């Protein structure tokens, strides 16, 4: 595996952890608010969110021309959540 491939996977995992942690601690939110809260830019934010949705850890529903996100699963043990 190339160094750049490892760094990209690590970056996506860090973004996913930030997304899940924000939903875990702060509750449901809309897509734009979440992206601003976790401070990750596209495309890494998008890839991380897609990974979480694919694993069914996060649910996405349409809402007022945007999307609403909520945690769909308990906190995975692999994610270091703030306050734990």
N, C-alpha and C. Protein backbone atom coordinates (compact mmCIF):
# COMPACT_ATOMS: atom_id res chain seq x y z
N UNK A 1 0.84 -1.18 0.00
CA UNK A 1 0.00 0.00 0.00
C UNK A 1 0.89 1.24 0.00
N UNK A 2 0.54 2.19 -0.84
CA UNK A 2 1.31 3.43 -0.92
C UNK A 2 1.00 4.31 0.28
N UNK A 3 1.96 5.15 0.64
CA UNK A 3 1.79 6.09 1.76
C UNK A 3 0.58 6.98 1.56
N UNK A 4 0.37 7.47 0.34
CA UNK A 4 -0.76 8.37 0.07
C UNK A 4 -2.09 7.66 0.25
N UNK A 5 -2.17 6.35 -0.07
CA UNK A 5 -3.41 5.60 0.13
C UNK A 5 -3.72 5.47 1.62
N UNK A 6 -2.70 5.21 2.42
CA UNK A 6 -2.90 5.10 3.86
C UNK A 6 -3.38 6.43 4.43
N UNK A 7 -2.76 7.52 4.02
CA UNK A 7 -3.14 8.83 4.53
C UNK A 7 -4.59 9.17 4.18
N UNK A 8 -5.04 8.81 2.97
CA UNK A 8 -6.41 9.10 2.57
C UNK A 8 -7.40 8.29 3.42
N UNK A 9 -7.12 7.01 3.64
CA UNK A 9 -8.00 6.19 4.47
C UNK A 9 -8.05 6.73 5.89
N UNK A 10 -6.92 7.14 6.41
CA UNK A 10 -6.87 7.69 7.76
C UNK A 10 -7.66 9.00 7.83
N UNK A 11 -7.53 9.83 6.81
CA UNK A 11 -8.25 11.10 6.79
C UNK A 11 -9.76 10.87 6.74
N UNK A 12 -10.21 9.90 5.94
CA UNK A 12 -11.63 9.59 5.86
C UNK A 12 -12.14 9.06 7.20
N UNK A 13 -11.35 8.21 7.84
CA UNK A 13 -11.76 7.69 9.15
C UNK A 13 -11.86 8.81 10.18
N UNK A 14 -10.91 9.72 10.18
CA UNK A 14 -10.97 10.85 11.12
C UNK A 14 -12.20 11.70 10.88
N UNK A 15 -12.53 11.94 9.62
CA UNK A 15 -13.73 12.72 9.30
C UNK A 15 -14.98 11.97 9.75
N UNK A 16 -15.02 10.66 9.52
CA UNK A 16 -16.17 9.85 9.95
C UNK A 16 -16.32 9.89 11.47
N UNK A 17 -15.23 9.82 12.18
CA UNK A 17 -15.27 9.91 13.64
C UNK A 17 -15.83 11.26 14.08
N UNK A 18 -15.42 12.32 13.42
CA UNK A 18 -15.91 13.66 13.77
C UNK A 18 -17.40 13.78 13.50
N UNK A 19 -17.85 13.24 12.38
CA UNK A 19 -19.27 13.28 12.02
C UNK A 19 -20.09 12.51 13.05
N UNK A 20 -19.69 11.28 13.32
CA UNK A 20 -20.45 10.45 14.25
C UNK A 20 -20.44 11.05 15.65
N UNK A 21 -19.31 11.56 16.06
CA UNK A 21 -19.20 12.17 17.38
C UNK A 21 -20.13 13.37 17.51
N UNK A 22 -20.17 14.21 16.49
CA UNK A 22 -21.06 15.38 16.52
C UNK A 22 -22.52 14.94 16.62
N UNK A 23 -22.91 13.94 15.85
CA UNK A 23 -24.30 13.45 15.92
C UNK A 23 -24.57 12.77 17.26
N UNK A 24 -23.59 12.07 17.79
CA UNK A 24 -23.74 11.39 19.07
C UNK A 24 -23.96 12.39 20.21
N UNK A 25 -23.18 13.45 20.21
CA UNK A 25 -23.22 14.41 21.32
C UNK A 25 -24.24 15.53 21.13
N UNK A 26 -24.47 15.94 19.88
CA UNK A 26 -25.31 17.11 19.64
C UNK A 26 -26.66 16.77 19.03
N UNK A 27 -26.87 15.54 18.64
CA UNK A 27 -28.16 15.13 18.09
C UNK A 27 -28.31 15.43 16.61
N UNK A 28 -29.55 15.27 16.14
CA UNK A 28 -29.87 15.45 14.73
C UNK A 28 -29.50 16.85 14.25
N UNK A 29 -29.16 16.94 12.98
CA UNK A 29 -28.79 18.23 12.39
C UNK A 29 -28.98 18.17 10.89
N UNK A 30 -28.91 19.32 10.24
CA UNK A 30 -28.97 19.28 8.78
C UNK A 30 -27.56 19.19 8.22
N UNK A 31 -27.49 18.86 6.94
CA UNK A 31 -26.22 18.56 6.29
C UNK A 31 -25.23 19.71 6.38
N UNK A 32 -25.67 20.92 6.05
CA UNK A 32 -24.76 22.07 6.06
C UNK A 32 -24.27 22.38 7.47
N UNK A 33 -25.17 22.33 8.45
CA UNK A 33 -24.77 22.58 9.84
C UNK A 33 -23.72 21.56 10.31
N UNK A 34 -23.93 20.31 9.94
CA UNK A 34 -22.99 19.27 10.34
C UNK A 34 -21.62 19.50 9.71
N UNK A 35 -21.59 19.83 8.43
CA UNK A 35 -20.31 20.05 7.77
C UNK A 35 -19.57 21.23 8.40
N UNK A 36 -20.30 22.29 8.74
CA UNK A 36 -19.66 23.43 9.41
C UNK A 36 -19.19 23.06 10.81
N UNK A 37 -19.97 22.26 11.51
CA UNK A 37 -19.64 21.87 12.89
C UNK A 37 -18.37 21.03 12.95
N UNK A 38 -18.24 20.08 12.04
CA UNK A 38 -17.07 19.19 12.09
C UNK A 38 -15.87 19.76 11.36
N UNK A 39 -16.10 20.78 10.53
CA UNK A 39 -15.04 21.51 9.85
C UNK A 39 -14.20 20.62 8.92
N UNK A 40 -14.87 19.73 8.19
CA UNK A 40 -14.21 18.93 7.14
C UNK A 40 -14.80 19.37 5.81
N UNK A 41 -13.96 19.53 4.83
CA UNK A 41 -14.37 19.98 3.50
C UNK A 41 -14.63 18.79 2.58
N UNK A 42 -15.40 19.07 1.51
CA UNK A 42 -15.59 18.07 0.45
C UNK A 42 -14.27 17.90 -0.27
N UNK A 43 -13.93 16.77 -0.77
CA UNK A 43 -14.73 15.56 -0.85
C UNK A 43 -14.58 14.63 0.35
N UNK A 44 -13.65 14.90 1.26
CA UNK A 44 -13.42 13.98 2.39
C UNK A 44 -14.67 13.88 3.26
N UNK A 45 -15.33 14.99 3.53
CA UNK A 45 -16.57 14.97 4.31
C UNK A 45 -17.59 14.07 3.64
N UNK A 46 -17.76 14.23 2.33
CA UNK A 46 -18.74 13.44 1.57
C UNK A 46 -18.41 11.95 1.62
N UNK A 47 -17.14 11.61 1.45
CA UNK A 47 -16.74 10.20 1.48
C UNK A 47 -16.98 9.60 2.87
N UNK A 48 -16.64 10.35 3.90
CA UNK A 48 -16.82 9.85 5.27
C UNK A 48 -18.30 9.67 5.58
N UNK A 49 -19.12 10.62 5.18
CA UNK A 49 -20.56 10.51 5.42
C UNK A 49 -21.13 9.33 4.64
N UNK A 50 -20.70 9.17 3.40
CA UNK A 50 -21.15 8.03 2.60
C UNK A 50 -20.78 6.70 3.23
N UNK A 51 -19.60 6.63 3.81
CA UNK A 51 -19.16 5.41 4.48
C UNK A 51 -20.06 5.11 5.68
N UNK A 52 -20.37 6.15 6.47
CA UNK A 52 -21.23 5.96 7.64
C UNK A 52 -22.65 5.57 7.23
N UNK A 53 -23.18 6.17 6.18
CA UNK A 53 -24.52 5.83 5.70
C UNK A 53 -24.53 4.39 5.18
N UNK A 54 -23.49 4.01 4.45
CA UNK A 54 -23.39 2.65 3.93
C UNK A 54 -23.33 1.60 5.02
N UNK A 55 -22.70 1.95 6.14
CA UNK A 55 -22.62 1.03 7.29
C UNK A 55 -23.88 1.10 8.14
N UNK A 56 -24.82 1.96 7.76
CA UNK A 56 -26.08 2.18 8.47
C UNK A 56 -25.86 2.71 9.88
N UNK A 57 -24.79 3.49 10.07
CA UNK A 57 -24.53 4.16 11.34
C UNK A 57 -25.21 5.53 11.39
N UNK A 58 -25.51 6.09 10.20
CA UNK A 58 -26.14 7.39 10.10
C UNK A 58 -27.31 7.29 9.11
N UNK A 59 -28.44 7.91 9.47
CA UNK A 59 -29.60 7.96 8.59
C UNK A 59 -29.71 9.35 7.98
N UNK A 60 -30.06 9.40 6.70
CA UNK A 60 -30.23 10.67 5.99
C UNK A 60 -31.66 10.71 5.47
N UNK A 61 -32.38 11.81 5.77
CA UNK A 61 -33.73 11.98 5.26
C UNK A 61 -33.87 13.36 4.63
N UNK A 62 -34.66 13.47 3.54
CA UNK A 62 -34.89 14.78 2.93
C UNK A 62 -35.66 15.69 3.88
N UNK A 63 -35.31 16.98 3.88
CA UNK A 63 -35.99 17.94 4.75
C UNK A 63 -35.81 19.35 4.21
N UNK A 64 -36.89 19.97 3.79
CA UNK A 64 -36.91 21.37 3.36
C UNK A 64 -35.83 21.71 2.33
N UNK A 65 -35.71 20.91 1.30
CA UNK A 65 -34.74 21.17 0.25
C UNK A 65 -33.31 20.81 0.60
N UNK A 66 -33.11 20.23 1.76
CA UNK A 66 -31.77 19.80 2.19
C UNK A 66 -31.90 18.37 2.71
N UNK A 67 -31.03 18.02 3.63
CA UNK A 67 -31.08 16.69 4.23
C UNK A 67 -30.88 16.80 5.73
N UNK A 68 -31.57 15.95 6.46
CA UNK A 68 -31.45 15.87 7.92
C UNK A 68 -30.69 14.59 8.24
N UNK A 69 -29.73 14.68 9.16
CA UNK A 69 -28.92 13.52 9.52
C UNK A 69 -29.12 13.19 10.98
N UNK A 70 -29.14 11.89 11.27
CA UNK A 70 -29.22 11.45 12.66
C UNK A 70 -28.44 10.16 12.83
N UNK A 71 -28.02 9.93 14.04
CA UNK A 71 -27.29 8.71 14.39
C UNK A 71 -28.29 7.55 14.38
N UNK A 72 -27.93 6.47 13.71
CA UNK A 72 -28.81 5.32 13.60
C UNK A 72 -28.30 4.13 14.39
N UNK A 73 -27.11 4.23 14.92
CA UNK A 73 -26.49 3.11 15.62
C UNK A 73 -25.83 3.61 16.89
N UNK A 74 -25.63 2.71 17.85
CA UNK A 74 -24.87 3.11 19.04
C UNK A 74 -23.43 3.44 18.67
N UNK A 75 -22.76 4.15 19.52
CA UNK A 75 -21.37 4.55 19.24
C UNK A 75 -20.48 3.33 19.10
N UNK A 76 -19.78 3.22 17.96
CA UNK A 76 -18.84 2.11 17.80
C UNK A 76 -17.66 2.27 18.76
N UNK A 77 -17.16 1.18 19.24
CA UNK A 77 -16.04 1.21 20.19
C UNK A 77 -14.78 1.79 19.57
N UNK A 78 -14.66 1.75 18.24
CA UNK A 78 -13.44 2.22 17.59
C UNK A 78 -13.39 3.72 17.48
N UNK A 79 -14.50 4.42 17.71
CA UNK A 79 -14.51 5.86 17.59
C UNK A 79 -14.24 6.50 18.94
N UNK A 80 -13.18 7.29 19.05
CA UNK A 80 -12.95 8.01 20.30
C UNK A 80 -13.88 9.22 20.36
N UNK A 81 -14.92 9.12 21.17
CA UNK A 81 -15.89 10.20 21.24
C UNK A 81 -15.51 11.17 22.35
N UNK A 82 -15.66 12.47 22.06
CA UNK A 82 -15.31 13.46 23.07
C UNK A 82 -16.19 13.29 24.29
N UNK A 83 -15.61 13.46 25.42
CA UNK A 83 -16.35 13.33 26.67
C UNK A 83 -16.36 11.91 27.22
N UNK A 84 -15.82 10.94 26.49
CA UNK A 84 -15.77 9.55 26.98
C UNK A 84 -14.43 9.26 27.58
